[in-house]
PDB file of N, CA and C in Angstrom:
ATOM      1  N   MET A   1     252.677  79.901  90.983  1.00  0.00           N
ATOM      2  CA  MET A   1     252.465  79.893  90.459  1.00  0.00           C
ATOM      3  C   MET A   1     251.061  79.845  90.512  1.00  0.00           C
ATOM      4  N   ASN A   2     250.396  80.882  89.288  1.00  0.00           N
ATOM      5  CA  ASN A   2     249.426  81.948  89.045  1.00  0.00           C
ATOM      6  C   ASN A   2     248.075  79.957  89.560  1.00  0.00           C
ATOM      7  N   SER A   3     246.973  80.938  89.881  1.00  0.00           N
ATOM      8  CA  SER A   3     246.176  80.002  90.013  1.00  0.00           C
ATOM      9  C   SER A   3     245.055  79.476  88.057  1.00  0.00           C
ATOM     10  N   LYS A   4     245.065  80.625  88.287  1.00  0.00           N
ATOM     11  CA  LYS A   4     244.563  80.577  86.690  1.00  0.00           C
ATOM     12  C   LYS A   4     245.517  79.946  85.629  1.00  0.00           C
ATOM     13  N   VAL A   5     246.567  80.144  85.697  1.00  0.00           N
ATOM     14  CA  VAL A   5     247.375  79.806  84.937  1.00  0.00           C
ATOM     15  C   VAL A   5     247.545  78.105  85.125  1.00  0.00           C
ATOM     16  N   PHE A   6     247.372  77.747  86.423  1.00  0.00           N
ATOM     17  CA  PHE A   6     247.757  76.633  86.516  1.00  0.00           C
ATOM     18  C   PHE A   6     246.364  75.592  86.330  1.00  0.00           C
ATOM     19  N   MET A   7     245.287  76.046  86.603  1.00  0.00           N
ATOM     20  CA  MET A   7     243.907  76.029  86.281  1.00  0.00           C
ATOM     21  C   MET A   7     243.608  75.528  84.388  1.00  0.00           C
ATOM     22  N   VAL A   8     244.360  76.592  83.879  1.00  0.00           N
ATOM     23  CA  VAL A   8     244.587  76.086  82.632  1.00  0.00           C
ATOM     24  C   VAL A   8     245.394  74.986  82.158  1.00  0.00           C
ATOM     25  N   LEU A   9     246.933  74.953  82.249  1.00  0.00           N
ATOM     26  CA  LEU A   9     247.294  73.531  82.391  1.00  0.00           C
ATOM     27  C   LEU A   9     247.495  72.522  82.748  1.00  0.00           C
ATOM     28  N   ARG A  10     246.623  73.047  84.152  1.00  0.00           N
ATOM     29  CA  ARG A  10     246.096  71.121  84.566  1.00  0.00           C
ATOM     30  C   ARG A  10     244.371  70.656  83.374  1.00  0.00           C
ATOM     31  N   ILE A  11     243.892  71.901  83.017  1.00  0.00           N
ATOM     32  CA  ILE A  11     242.607  71.202  82.224  1.00  0.00           C
ATOM     33  C   ILE A  11     243.107  70.444  80.912  1.00  0.00           C
ATOM     34  N   LEU A  12     243.726  71.546  80.121  1.00  0.00           N
ATOM     35  CA  LEU A  12     244.800  71.537  79.414  1.00  0.00           C
ATOM     36  C   LEU A  12     245.519  69.477  79.046  1.00  0.00           C
ATOM     37  N   LEU A  13     246.210  69.789  80.361  1.00  0.00           N
ATOM     38  CA  LEU A  13     246.698  67.757  80.674  1.00  0.00           C
ATOM     39  C   LEU A  13     245.625  67.152  80.786  1.00  0.00           C
ATOM     40  N   GLY A  14     244.927  67.581  81.373  1.00  0.00           N
ATOM     41  CA  GLY A  14     243.123  66.278  81.408  1.00  0.00           C
ATOM     42  C   GLY A  14     243.075  65.966  80.048  1.00  0.00           C
ATOM     43  N   LEU A  15     243.159  67.673  79.351  1.00  0.00           N
ATOM     44  CA  LEU A  15     241.438  67.051  77.509  1.00  0.00           C
ATOM     45  C   LEU A  15     242.520  66.104  77.292  1.00  0.00           C
ATOM     46  N   PHE A  16     243.978  66.220  77.486  1.00  0.00           N
ATOM     47  CA  PHE A  16     245.599  65.811  76.491  1.00  0.00           C
ATOM     48  C   PHE A  16     245.255  64.471  76.350  1.00  0.00           C
ATOM     49  N   VAL A  17     245.642  64.336  77.846  1.00  0.00           N
ATOM     50  CA  VAL A  17     245.465  62.449  78.219  1.00  0.00           C
ATOM     51  C   VAL A  17     243.282  61.742  77.666  1.00  0.00           C
ATOM     52  N   LEU A  18     242.958  62.471  78.310  1.00  0.00           N
ATOM     53  CA  LEU A  18     241.523  61.944  78.046  1.00  0.00           C
ATOM     54  C   LEU A  18     241.002  61.720  76.431  1.00  0.00           C
ATOM     55  N   VAL A  19     240.808  62.708  76.043  1.00  0.00           N
ATOM     56  CA  VAL A  19     241.505  61.997  74.082  1.00  0.00           C
ATOM     57  C   VAL A  19     242.188  60.979  73.088  1.00  0.00           C
ATOM     58  N   PHE A  20     243.269  61.007  74.873  1.00  0.00           N
ATOM     59  CA  PHE A  20     244.041  60.115  74.298  1.00  0.00           C
ATOM     60  C   PHE A  20     244.061  58.530  74.553  1.00  0.00           C
ATOM     61  N   GLY A  21     243.388  58.523  75.719  1.00  0.00           N
ATOM     62  CA  GLY A  21     243.081  57.250  76.649  1.00  0.00           C
ATOM     63  C   GLY A  21     241.800  56.705  75.610  1.00  0.00           C
ATOM     64  N   LEU A  22     240.783  57.622  75.103  1.00  0.00           N
ATOM     65  CA  LEU A  22     239.864  57.517  74.048  1.00  0.00           C
ATOM     66  C   LEU A  22     239.950  56.730  72.927  1.00  0.00           C
ATOM     67  N   ASN A  23     240.742  57.589  72.327  1.00  0.00           N
ATOM     68  CA  ASN A  23     241.922  57.317  71.353  1.00  0.00           C
ATOM     69  C   ASN A  23     241.816  55.624  71.038  1.00  0.00           C
ATOM     70  N   LYS A  24     242.212  54.882  72.374  1.00  0.00           N
ATOM     71  CA  LYS A  24     242.359  54.008  72.423  1.00  0.00           C
ATOM     72  C   LYS A  24     241.543  52.661  72.632  1.00  0.00           C
ATOM     73  N   PHE A  25     240.101  53.471  72.753  1.00  0.00           N
ATOM     74  CA  PHE A  25     238.856  52.348  73.031  1.00  0.00           C
ATOM     75  C   PHE A  25     238.718  52.699  71.481  1.00  0.00           C
ATOM     76  N   LEU A  26     238.068  53.692  70.956  1.00  0.00           N
ATOM     77  CA  LEU A  26     237.480  54.778  69.728  1.00  0.00           C
ATOM     78  C   LEU A  26     238.055  54.857  68.533  1.00  0.00           C
ATOM     79  N   HIS A  27     239.411  54.475  68.054  1.00  0.00           N
ATOM     80  CA  HIS A  27     240.488  54.838  67.371  1.00  0.00           C
ATOM     81  C   HIS A  27     239.804  55.647  65.783  1.00  0.00           C
ATOM     82  N   PHE A  28     239.544  57.239  66.546  1.00  0.00           N
ATOM     83  CA  PHE A  28     239.604  57.897  65.799  1.00  0.00           C
ATOM     84  C   PHE A  28     240.555  58.609  65.573  1.00  0.00           C
ATOM     85  N   ILE A  29     241.223  58.591  65.790  1.00  0.00           N
ATOM     86  CA  ILE A  29     242.902  59.189  65.302  1.00  0.00           C
ATOM     87  C   ILE A  29     243.862  57.983  64.327  1.00  0.00           C
ATOM     88  N   PRO A  30     243.626  59.002  63.401  1.00  0.00           N
ATOM     89  CA  PRO A  30     244.703  57.775  62.936  1.00  0.00           C
ATOM     90  C   PRO A  30     245.994  57.525  62.592  1.00  0.00           C
ATOM     91  N   MET A  31     246.827  55.816  63.012  1.00  0.00           N
ATOM     92  CA  MET A  31     248.043  56.729  63.840  1.00  0.00           C
ATOM     93  C   MET A  31     248.450  56.240  61.794  1.00  0.00           C
ATOM     94  N   GLY A  32     249.283  56.627  61.717  1.00  0.00           N
ATOM     95  CA  GLY A  32     250.867  56.325  61.025  1.00  0.00           C
ATOM     96  C   GLY A  32     251.512  55.175  61.123  1.00  0.00           C
ATOM     97  N   GLU A  33     252.705  55.636  59.987  1.00  0.00           N
ATOM     98  CA  GLU A  33     253.010  54.163  59.407  1.00  0.00           C
ATOM     99  C   GLU A  33     253.846  54.211  61.112  1.00  0.00           C
ATOM    100  N   MET A  34     254.585  52.432  61.736  1.00  0.00           N
ATOM    101  CA  MET A  34     255.947  52.420  62.660  1.00  0.00           C
ATOM    102  C   MET A  34     256.696  51.674  62.130  1.00  0.00           C
ATOM    103  N   SER A  35     257.234  51.533  62.516  1.00  0.00           N
ATOM    104  CA  SER A  35     259.015  51.167  61.934  1.00  0.00           C
ATOM    105  C   SER A  35     258.747  49.083  62.396  1.00  0.00           C
ATOM    106  N   ALA A  36     259.421  48.596  61.919  1.00  0.00           N
ATOM    107  CA  ALA A  36     258.526  46.565  62.893  1.00  0.00           C
ATOM    108  C   ALA A  36     259.901  47.457  63.798  1.00  0.00           C
ATOM    109  N   ASP A  37     260.631  47.191  64.984  1.00  0.00           N
ATOM    110  CA  ASP A  37     260.480  47.473  66.250  1.00  0.00           C
ATOM    111  C   ASP A  37     259.421  47.725  66.811  1.00  0.00           C
ATOM    112  N   ALA A  38     258.578  49.019  66.621  1.00  0.00           N
ATOM    113  CA  ALA A  38     258.014  49.726  67.103  1.00  0.00           C
ATOM    114  C   ALA A  38     256.137  49.235  67.043  1.00  0.00           C
ATOM    115  N   GLY A  39     256.138  48.758  65.925  1.00  0.00           N
ATOM    116  CA  GLY A  39     255.212  47.792  65.450  1.00  0.00           C
ATOM    117  C   GLY A  39     255.115  46.346  66.610  1.00  0.00           C
ATOM    118  N   ALA A  40     255.825  45.643  67.087  1.00  0.00           N
ATOM    119  CA  ALA A  40     256.268  45.081  67.101  1.00  0.00           C
ATOM    120  C   ALA A  40     256.193  44.656  69.295  1.00  0.00           C
ATOM    121  N   TYR A  41     256.507  46.119  69.580  1.00  0.00           N
ATOM    122  CA  TYR A  41     256.509  46.490  70.678  1.00  0.00           C
ATOM    123  C   TYR A  41     254.914  46.735  70.973  1.00  0.00           C
ATOM    124  N   PHE A  42     254.754  47.654  70.472  1.00  0.00           N
ATOM    125  CA  PHE A  42     253.569  48.188  69.790  1.00  0.00           C
ATOM    126  C   PHE A  42     252.007  46.851  69.896  1.00  0.00           C
ATOM    127  N   GLY A  43     252.375  46.356  69.198  1.00  0.00           N
ATOM    128  CA  GLY A  43     251.864  44.829  69.438  1.00  0.00           C
ATOM    129  C   GLY A  43     251.840  43.809  70.901  1.00  0.00           C
ATOM    130  N   ALA A  44     252.762  43.804  71.229  1.00  0.00           N
ATOM    131  CA  ALA A  44     252.746  43.639  72.927  1.00  0.00           C
ATOM    132  C   ALA A  44     251.636  43.565  73.678  1.00  0.00           C
ATOM    133  N   LEU A  45     252.012  45.612  74.110  1.00  0.00           N
ATOM    134  CA  LEU A  45     252.021  46.208  74.215  1.00  0.00           C
ATOM    135  C   LEU A  45     249.856  45.871  73.826  1.00  0.00           C
ATOM    136  N   VAL A  46     249.320  45.462  73.498  1.00  0.00           N
ATOM    137  CA  VAL A  46     248.185  45.245  72.309  1.00  0.00           C
ATOM    138  C   VAL A  46     247.826  44.038  73.440  1.00  0.00           C
ATOM    139  N   ASN A  47     248.795  43.116  73.128  1.00  0.00           N
ATOM    140  CA  ASN A  47     248.712  41.508  72.956  1.00  0.00           C
ATOM    141  C   ASN A  47     248.505  40.948  74.522  1.00  0.00           C
ATOM    142  N   THR A  48     248.839  41.825  75.395  1.00  0.00           N
ATOM    143  CA  THR A  48     248.556  41.763  76.910  1.00  0.00           C
ATOM    144  C   THR A  48     248.076  42.763  77.065  1.00  0.00           C
ATOM    145  N   LYS A  49     247.763  43.255  76.608  1.00  0.00           N
ATOM    146  CA  LYS A  49     245.744  44.126  77.215  1.00  0.00           C
ATOM    147  C   LYS A  49     247.415  45.129  78.059  1.00  0.00           C
ATOM    148  N   THR A  50     247.860  45.817  78.377  1.00  0.00           N
ATOM    149  CA  THR A  50     248.712  46.693  78.719  1.00  0.00           C
ATOM    150  C   THR A  50     247.868  47.940  78.433  1.00  0.00           C
ATOM    151  N   LEU A  51     247.601  47.745  76.626  1.00  0.00           N
ATOM    152  CA  LEU A  51     247.159  49.173  77.051  1.00  0.00           C
ATOM    153  C   LEU A  51     245.870  49.556  76.941  1.00  0.00           C
ATOM    154  N   THR A  52     245.807  48.683  76.738  1.00  0.00           N
ATOM    155  CA  THR A  52     243.834  48.935  77.690  1.00  0.00           C
ATOM    156  C   THR A  52     244.315  49.525  78.862  1.00  0.00           C
ATOM    157  N   LEU A  53     244.841  48.845  80.106  1.00  0.00           N
ATOM    158  CA  LEU A  53     245.094  49.418  81.023  1.00  0.00           C
ATOM    159  C   LEU A  53     246.051  51.671  81.272  1.00  0.00           C
ATOM    160  N   VAL A  54     246.692  51.033  79.762  1.00  0.00           N
ATOM    161  CA  VAL A  54     247.125  52.560  80.136  1.00  0.00           C
ATOM    162  C   VAL A  54     246.313  53.153  79.284  1.00  0.00           C
ATOM    163  N   ALA A  55     245.242  53.329  78.838  1.00  0.00           N
ATOM    164  CA  ALA A  55     243.814  53.809  77.635  1.00  0.00           C
ATOM    165  C   ALA A  55     243.110  54.266  79.213  1.00  0.00           C
ATOM    166  N   ILE A  56     242.764  53.047  79.970  1.00  0.00           N
ATOM    167  CA  ILE A  56     241.787  53.900  81.522  1.00  0.00           C
ATOM    168  C   ILE A  56     242.616  54.320  82.403  1.00  0.00           C
ATOM    169  N   VAL A  57     243.503  54.535  82.709  1.00  0.00           N
ATOM    170  CA  VAL A  57     244.259  55.227  83.444  1.00  0.00           C
ATOM    171  C   VAL A  57     244.742  56.503  82.811  1.00  0.00           C
ATOM    172  N   GLU A  58     244.074  56.483  81.568  1.00  0.00           N
ATOM    173  CA  GLU A  58     244.756  58.127  80.997  1.00  0.00           C
ATOM    174  C   GLU A  58     243.672  58.436  81.223  1.00  0.00           C
ATOM    175  N   ILE A  59     242.251  58.205  81.023  1.00  0.00           N
ATOM    176  CA  ILE A  59     240.947  58.344  80.626  1.00  0.00           C
ATOM    177  C   ILE A  59     240.186  58.865  82.645  1.00  0.00           C
ATOM    178  N   VAL A  60     240.515  57.788  83.205  1.00  0.00           N
ATOM    179  CA  VAL A  60     240.845  58.336  85.041  1.00  0.00           C
ATOM    180  C   VAL A  60     241.016  59.384  85.308  1.00  0.00           C
ATOM    181  N   ALA A  61     242.807  59.508  84.473  1.00  0.00           N
ATOM    182  CA  ALA A  61     244.017  60.996  85.078  1.00  0.00           C
ATOM    183  C   ALA A  61     243.438  62.142  84.192  1.00  0.00           C
ATOM    184  N   GLY A  62     242.479  62.236  83.024  1.00  0.00           N
ATOM    185  CA  GLY A  62     242.392  62.678  82.770  1.00  0.00           C
ATOM    186  C   GLY A  62     240.926  64.075  82.874  1.00  0.00           C
ATOM    187  N   LEU A  63     240.324  62.745  83.302  1.00  0.00           N
ATOM    188  CA  LEU A  63     238.575  63.047  83.990  1.00  0.00           C
ATOM    189  C   LEU A  63     239.281  63.841  85.551  1.00  0.00           C
ATOM    190  N   ALA A  64     240.125  63.550  86.086  1.00  0.00           N
ATOM    191  CA  ALA A  64     239.699  63.523  87.309  1.00  0.00           C
ATOM    192  C   ALA A  64     241.018  65.232  87.008  1.00  0.00           C
ATOM    193  N   LEU A  65     241.870  65.163  86.527  1.00  0.00           N
ATOM    194  CA  LEU A  65     242.122  66.359  85.980  1.00  0.00           C
ATOM    195  C   LEU A  65     241.705  68.144  86.417  1.00  0.00           C
ATOM    196  N   ILE A  66     240.671  66.900  85.374  1.00  0.00           N
ATOM    197  CA  ILE A  66     239.549  68.302  84.463  1.00  0.00           C
ATOM    198  C   ILE A  66     238.636  68.429  85.926  1.00  0.00           C
ATOM    199  N   PHE A  67     238.259  68.088  86.360  1.00  0.00           N
ATOM    200  CA  PHE A  67     237.350  67.902  87.418  1.00  0.00           C
ATOM    201  C   PHE A  67     238.096  68.746  88.890  1.00  0.00           C
ATOM    202  N   ASN A  68     239.211  68.481  89.498  1.00  0.00           N
ATOM    203  CA  ASN A  68     240.106  68.273  89.777  1.00  0.00           C
ATOM    204  C   ASN A  68     239.888  67.955  91.498  1.00  0.00           C
ATOM    205  N   LYS A  69     239.744  66.391  90.731  1.00  0.00           N
ATOM    206  CA  LYS A  69     238.808  65.864  92.247  1.00  0.00           C
ATOM    207  C   LYS A  69     240.519  64.407  91.911  1.00  0.00           C
ATOM    208  N   PHE A  70     241.323  64.526  93.162  1.00  0.00           N
ATOM    209  CA  PHE A  70     242.611  63.612  93.321  1.00  0.00           C
ATOM    210  C   PHE A  70     243.046  63.940  91.887  1.00  0.00           C
ATOM    211  N   GLY A  71     243.056  65.456  91.481  1.00  0.00           N
ATOM    212  CA  GLY A  71     244.428  65.649  91.066  1.00  0.00           C
ATOM    213  C   GLY A  71     246.341  65.175  90.869  1.00  0.00           C
ATOM    214  N   ALA A  72     246.255  65.345  92.093  1.00  0.00           N
ATOM    215  CA  ALA A  72     247.309  65.395  92.335  1.00  0.00           C
ATOM    216  C   ALA A  72     248.027  64.178  92.185  1.00  0.00           C
ATOM    217  N   LEU A  73     246.824  62.951  93.366  1.00  0.00           N
ATOM    218  CA  LEU A  73     247.535  62.122  92.788  1.00  0.00           C
ATOM    219  C   LEU A  73     247.470  61.364  91.302  1.00  0.00           C
ATOM    220  N   LEU A  74     246.775  61.420  90.665  1.00  0.00           N
ATOM    221  CA  LEU A  74     246.561  61.053  88.897  1.00  0.00           C
ATOM    222  C   LEU A  74     247.576  61.294  88.343  1.00  0.00           C
ATOM    223  N   ALA A  75     248.058  62.781  88.643  1.00  0.00           N
ATOM    224  CA  ALA A  75     249.456  63.793  87.781  1.00  0.00           C
ATOM    225  C   ALA A  75     250.839  62.745  88.372  1.00  0.00           C
ATOM    226  N   LEU A  76     250.769  61.687  89.276  1.00  0.00           N
ATOM    227  CA  LEU A  76     252.215  61.761  89.816  1.00  0.00           C
ATOM    228  C   LEU A  76     251.939  59.806  89.959  1.00  0.00           C
ATOM    229  N   ILE A  77     250.293  59.970  89.125  1.00  0.00           N
ATOM    230  CA  ILE A  77     250.533  57.925  88.106  1.00  0.00           C
ATOM    231  C   ILE A  77     250.804  58.193  86.774  1.00  0.00           C
ATOM    232  N   LEU A  78     250.301  58.919  86.440  1.00  0.00           N
ATOM    233  CA  LEU A  78     250.402  59.903  85.126  1.00  0.00           C
ATOM    234  C   LEU A  78     251.727  59.500  84.064  1.00  0.00           C
ATOM    235  N   MET A  79     253.041  60.261  85.231  1.00  0.00           N
ATOM    236  CA  MET A  79     254.313  60.844  85.503  1.00  0.00           C
ATOM    237  C   MET A  79     254.846  59.171  84.775  1.00  0.00           C
ATOM    238  N   SER A  80     254.364  58.004  84.477  1.00  0.00           N
ATOM    239  CA  SER A  80     254.937  56.843  84.552  1.00  0.00           C
ATOM    240  C   SER A  80     254.769  56.876  82.514  1.00  0.00           C
ATOM    241  N   ILE A  81     253.042  56.867  82.677  1.00  0.00           N
ATOM    242  CA  ILE A  81     252.581  56.564  80.973  1.00  0.00           C
ATOM    243  C   ILE A  81     253.558  57.765  80.673  1.00  0.00           C
ATOM    244  N   SER A  82     253.941  59.462  80.921  1.00  0.00           N
ATOM    245  CA  SER A  82     254.495  60.184  80.121  1.00  0.00           C
ATOM    246  C   SER A  82     256.127  59.981  80.102  1.00  0.00           C
ATOM    247  N   VAL A  83     256.245  59.186  80.671  1.00  0.00           N
ATOM    248  CA  VAL A  83     257.670  59.356  81.008  1.00  0.00           C
ATOM    249  C   VAL A  83     257.749  57.474  79.925  1.00  0.00           C
ATOM    250  N   ASN A  84     256.697  56.984  79.373  1.00  0.00           N
ATOM    251  CA  ASN A  84     257.809  56.050  79.167  1.00  0.00           C
ATOM    252  C   ASN A  84     256.979  56.264  78.025  1.00  0.00           C
ATOM    253  N   ALA A  85     255.626  56.957  77.211  1.00  0.00           N
ATOM    254  CA  ALA A  85     255.604  57.569  76.269  1.00  0.00           C
ATOM    255  C   ALA A  85     257.413  57.800  75.016  1.00  0.00           C
ATOM    256  N   VAL A  86     257.940  58.957  76.035  1.00  0.00           N
ATOM    257  CA  VAL A  86     258.672  59.891  75.406  1.00  0.00           C
ATOM    258  C   VAL A  86     259.785  58.683  75.295  1.00  0.00           C
ATOM    259  N   LEU A  87     260.441  57.253  75.973  1.00  0.00           N
ATOM    260  CA  LEU A  87     261.262  57.163  75.766  1.00  0.00           C
ATOM    261  C   LEU A  87     261.035  55.661  74.284  1.00  0.00           C
ATOM    262  N   PHE A  88     259.679  55.429  74.579  1.00  0.00           N
ATOM    263  CA  PHE A  88     259.215  54.977  73.557  1.00  0.00           C
ATOM    264  C   PHE A  88     258.984  55.746  71.980  1.00  0.00           C
ATOM    265  N   HIS A  89     259.267  56.832  71.711  1.00  0.00           N
ATOM    266  CA  HIS A  89     259.262  57.595  70.811  1.00  0.00           C
ATOM    267  C   HIS A  89     260.897  58.209  70.899  1.00  0.00           C
ATOM    268  N   ALA A  90     261.533  57.884  71.731  1.00  0.00           N
ATOM    269  CA  ALA A  90     262.677  58.636  71.448  1.00  0.00           C
ATOM    270  C   ALA A  90     263.479  57.112  71.247  1.00  0.00           C
ATOM    271  N   THR A  91     263.350  56.223  71.334  1.00  0.00           N
ATOM    272  CA  THR A  91     264.340  54.757  70.865  1.00  0.00           C
ATOM    273  C   THR A  91     263.397  53.956  69.554  1.00  0.00           C
ATOM    274  N   LEU A  92     262.275  54.546  69.484  1.00  0.00           N
ATOM    275  CA  LEU A  92     261.721  53.390  68.634  1.00  0.00           C
ATOM    276  C   LEU A  92     260.605  53.906  67.149  1.00  0.00           C
ATOM    277  N   ALA A  93     260.581  55.405  67.197  1.00  0.00           N
ATOM    278  CA  ALA A  93     260.010  56.128  66.643  1.00  0.00           C
ATOM    279  C   ALA A  93     259.736  57.804  67.111  1.00  0.00           C
ATOM    280  N   PRO A  94     260.955  58.263  67.051  1.00  0.00           N
ATOM    281  CA  PRO A  94     262.060  59.304  67.478  1.00  0.00           C
ATOM    282  C   PRO A  94     260.628  61.002  66.211  1.00  0.00           C
ATOM    283  N   GLY A  95     259.842  60.045  65.215  1.00  0.00           N
ATOM    284  CA  GLY A  95     259.681  61.344  64.213  1.00  0.00           C
ATOM    285  C   GLY A  95     258.388  61.883  64.815  1.00  0.00           C
ATOM    286  N   ASP A  96     258.332  60.951  65.469  1.00  0.00           N
ATOM    287  CA  ASP A  96     256.432  61.527  66.513  1.00  0.00           C
ATOM    288  C   ASP A  96     256.366  62.045  68.331  1.00  0.00           C
ATOM    289  N   ILE A  97     258.008  62.892  68.855  1.00  0.00           N
ATOM    290  CA  ILE A  97     257.377  62.583  69.759  1.00  0.00           C
ATOM    291  C   ILE A  97     257.430  63.904  70.196  1.00  0.00           C
ATOM    292  N   ALA A  98     257.126  64.682  69.364  1.00  0.00           N
ATOM    293  CA  ALA A  98     256.432  65.878  69.661  1.00  0.00           C
ATOM    294  C   ALA A  98     255.900  65.817  71.218  1.00  0.00           C
ATOM    295  N   GLY A  99     254.215  65.280  70.530  1.00  0.00           N
ATOM    296  CA  GLY A  99     253.458  65.077  71.586  1.00  0.00           C
ATOM    297  C   GLY A  99     253.380  64.829  72.492  1.00  0.00           C
ATOM    298  N   ALA A 100     254.533  63.163  72.740  1.00  0.00           N
ATOM    299  CA  ALA A 100     254.846  62.779  74.015  1.00  0.00           C
ATOM    300  C   ALA A 100     255.757  63.620  74.667  1.00  0.00           C
ATOM    301  N   LEU A 101     256.737  64.995  73.762  1.00  0.00           N
ATOM    302  CA  LEU A 101     257.396  65.874  74.723  1.00  0.00           C
ATOM    303  C   LEU A 101     256.361  66.894  75.375  1.00  0.00           C
ATOM    304  N   VAL A 102     255.266  67.318  74.721  1.00  0.00           N
ATOM    305  CA  VAL A 102     254.543  67.864  75.311  1.00  0.00           C
ATOM    306  C   VAL A 102     253.436  67.441  76.897  1.00  0.00           C
ATOM    307  N   LEU A 103     252.925  66.156  76.452  1.00  0.00           N
ATOM    308  CA  LEU A 103     251.891  65.343  77.540  1.00  0.00           C
ATOM    309  C   LEU A 103     253.627  65.368  78.534  1.00  0.00           C
ATOM    310  N   LEU A 104     254.731  65.112  78.738  1.00  0.00           N
ATOM    311  CA  LEU A 104     255.349  64.657  79.551  1.00  0.00           C
ATOM    312  C   LEU A 104     255.913  66.692  80.521  1.00  0.00           C
ATOM    313  N   ILE A 105     255.801  67.392  79.286  1.00  0.00           N
ATOM    314  CA  ILE A 105     256.657  69.132  80.154  1.00  0.00           C
ATOM    315  C   ILE A 105     254.887  69.228  80.231  1.00  0.00           C
ATOM    316  N   LEU A 106     253.433  69.602  80.687  1.00  0.00           N
ATOM    317  CA  LEU A 106     252.309  69.562  80.471  1.00  0.00           C
ATOM    318  C   LEU A 106     252.900  68.667  81.996  1.00  0.00           C
ATOM    319  N   ASN A 107     252.598  67.206  81.761  1.00  0.00           N
ATOM    320  CA  ASN A 107     252.633  67.616  83.614  1.00  0.00           C
ATOM    321  C   ASN A 107     253.344  67.122  84.006  1.00  0.00           C
ATOM    322  N   VAL A 108     254.462  67.218  83.859  1.00  0.00           N
ATOM    323  CA  VAL A 108     256.034  67.831  85.029  1.00  0.00           C
ATOM    324  C   VAL A 108     255.663  69.634  85.693  1.00  0.00           C
ATOM    325  N   VAL A 109     254.617  70.097  84.805  1.00  0.00           N
ATOM    326  CA  VAL A 109     254.318  71.601  85.060  1.00  0.00           C
ATOM    327  C   VAL A 109     253.009  71.852  86.013  1.00  0.00           C
ATOM    328  N   VAL A 110     252.404  69.882  86.130  1.00  0.00           N
ATOM    329  CA  VAL A 110     251.080  70.432  86.743  1.00  0.00           C
ATOM    330  C   VAL A 110     251.232  69.620  87.868  1.00  0.00           C
ATOM    331  N   LEU A 111     252.459  68.601  87.951  1.00  0.00           N
ATOM    332  CA  LEU A 111     253.064  68.350  89.332  1.00  0.00           C
ATOM    333  C   LEU A 111     253.627  68.861  90.233  1.00  0.00           C
ATOM    334  N   TYR A 112     254.481  69.634  89.872  1.00  0.00           N
ATOM    335  CA  TYR A 112     255.107  71.343  90.328  1.00  0.00           C
ATOM    336  C   TYR A 112     253.467  72.113  91.116  1.00  0.00           C
ATOM    337  N   GLY A 113     252.138  72.650  90.264  1.00  0.00           N
ATOM    338  CA  GLY A 113     251.474  73.023  90.673  1.00  0.00           C
ATOM    339  C   GLY A 113     250.574  72.523  91.531  1.00  0.00           C
ATOM    340  N   TYR A 114     250.803  71.388  92.194  1.00  0.00           N
ATOM    341  CA  TYR A 114     250.660  70.349  92.813  1.00  0.00           C
ATOM    342  C   TYR A 114     251.169  70.029  94.309  1.00  0.00           C
ATOM    343  N   LYS A 115     252.730  70.739  93.922  1.00  0.00           N
ATOM    344  CA  LYS A 115     253.612  70.613  94.768  1.00  0.00           C
ATOM    345  C   LYS A 115     253.787  71.444  96.661  1.00  0.00           C
ATOM    346  N   ASP A 116     252.802  71.982  96.517  1.00  0.00           N
ATOM    347  CA  ASP A 116     252.592  72.128  98.329  1.00  0.00           C
ATOM    348  C   ASP A 116     251.434  70.386  98.776  1.00  0.00           C
ATOM    349  N   LYS A 117     251.028  69.545  97.518  1.00  0.00           N
ATOM    350  CA  LYS A 117     250.575  68.289  97.946  1.00  0.00           C
ATOM    351  C   LYS A 117     251.404  67.262  98.366  1.00  0.00           C
ATOM    352  N   TYR A 118     251.948  67.221  97.291  1.00  0.00           N
ATOM    353  CA  TYR A 118     253.288  66.772  98.436  1.00  0.00           C
ATOM    354  C   TYR A 118     254.502  66.736  99.189  1.00  0.00           C
ATOM    355  N   LYS A 119     254.201  67.797 100.027  1.00  0.00           N
ATOM    356  CA  LYS A 119     254.622  67.855 100.988  1.00  0.00           C
ATOM    357  C   LYS A 119     255.235  67.244 102.409  1.00  0.00           C
ATOM    358  N   ASP A 120     254.144  66.462 102.466  1.00  0.00           N
ATOM    359  CA  ASP A 120     253.713  65.546 103.592  1.00  0.00           C
ATOM    360  C   ASP A 120     254.919  64.145 102.762  1.00  0.00           C
ATOM    361  N   LEU A 121     254.661  64.160 101.998  1.00  0.00           N
ATOM    362  CA  LEU A 121     255.348  62.985 101.074  1.00  0.00           C
ATOM    363  C   LEU A 121     256.605  62.714 100.528  1.00  0.00           C
ATOM    364  N   LEU A 122     257.174  64.319 100.962  1.00  0.00           N
ATOM    365  CA  LEU A 122     258.401  64.296 100.265  1.00  0.00           C
ATOM    366  C   LEU A 122     259.167  64.551 101.849  1.00  0.00           C
ATOM    367  N   SER A 123     259.056  65.221 103.536  1.00  0.00           N
ATOM    368  CA  SER A 123     259.252  64.994 104.230  1.00  0.00           C
ATOM    369  C   SER A 123     259.911  64.020 105.361  1.00  0.00           C
TER     370      SER A 123
END
């Protein structure tokens, strides 16, 4: 992959997760209506402080990707959040799945860009 393209995609993913991580604390992006099941699930994540942990991971991952420090590690950790976001939207809020799919696709592309960093891990 071209290093300039990879850099743009890495920074784009970093900004994406940084904004959504900060939004979990600052609430500057309004939330739409949720179904009862989605609201119950989301409420459970909030009550158990799981969403706070997700927000912290997103902020740290976003900064790591933007500044290219430990980006390969944080992109790998971020993959679990990406997959869970897609699964949440696929099962409980399918109308809003576009953002989660963009997150997953960007995450996969960035992981592919870091593939040389994972060679020892996968050998």
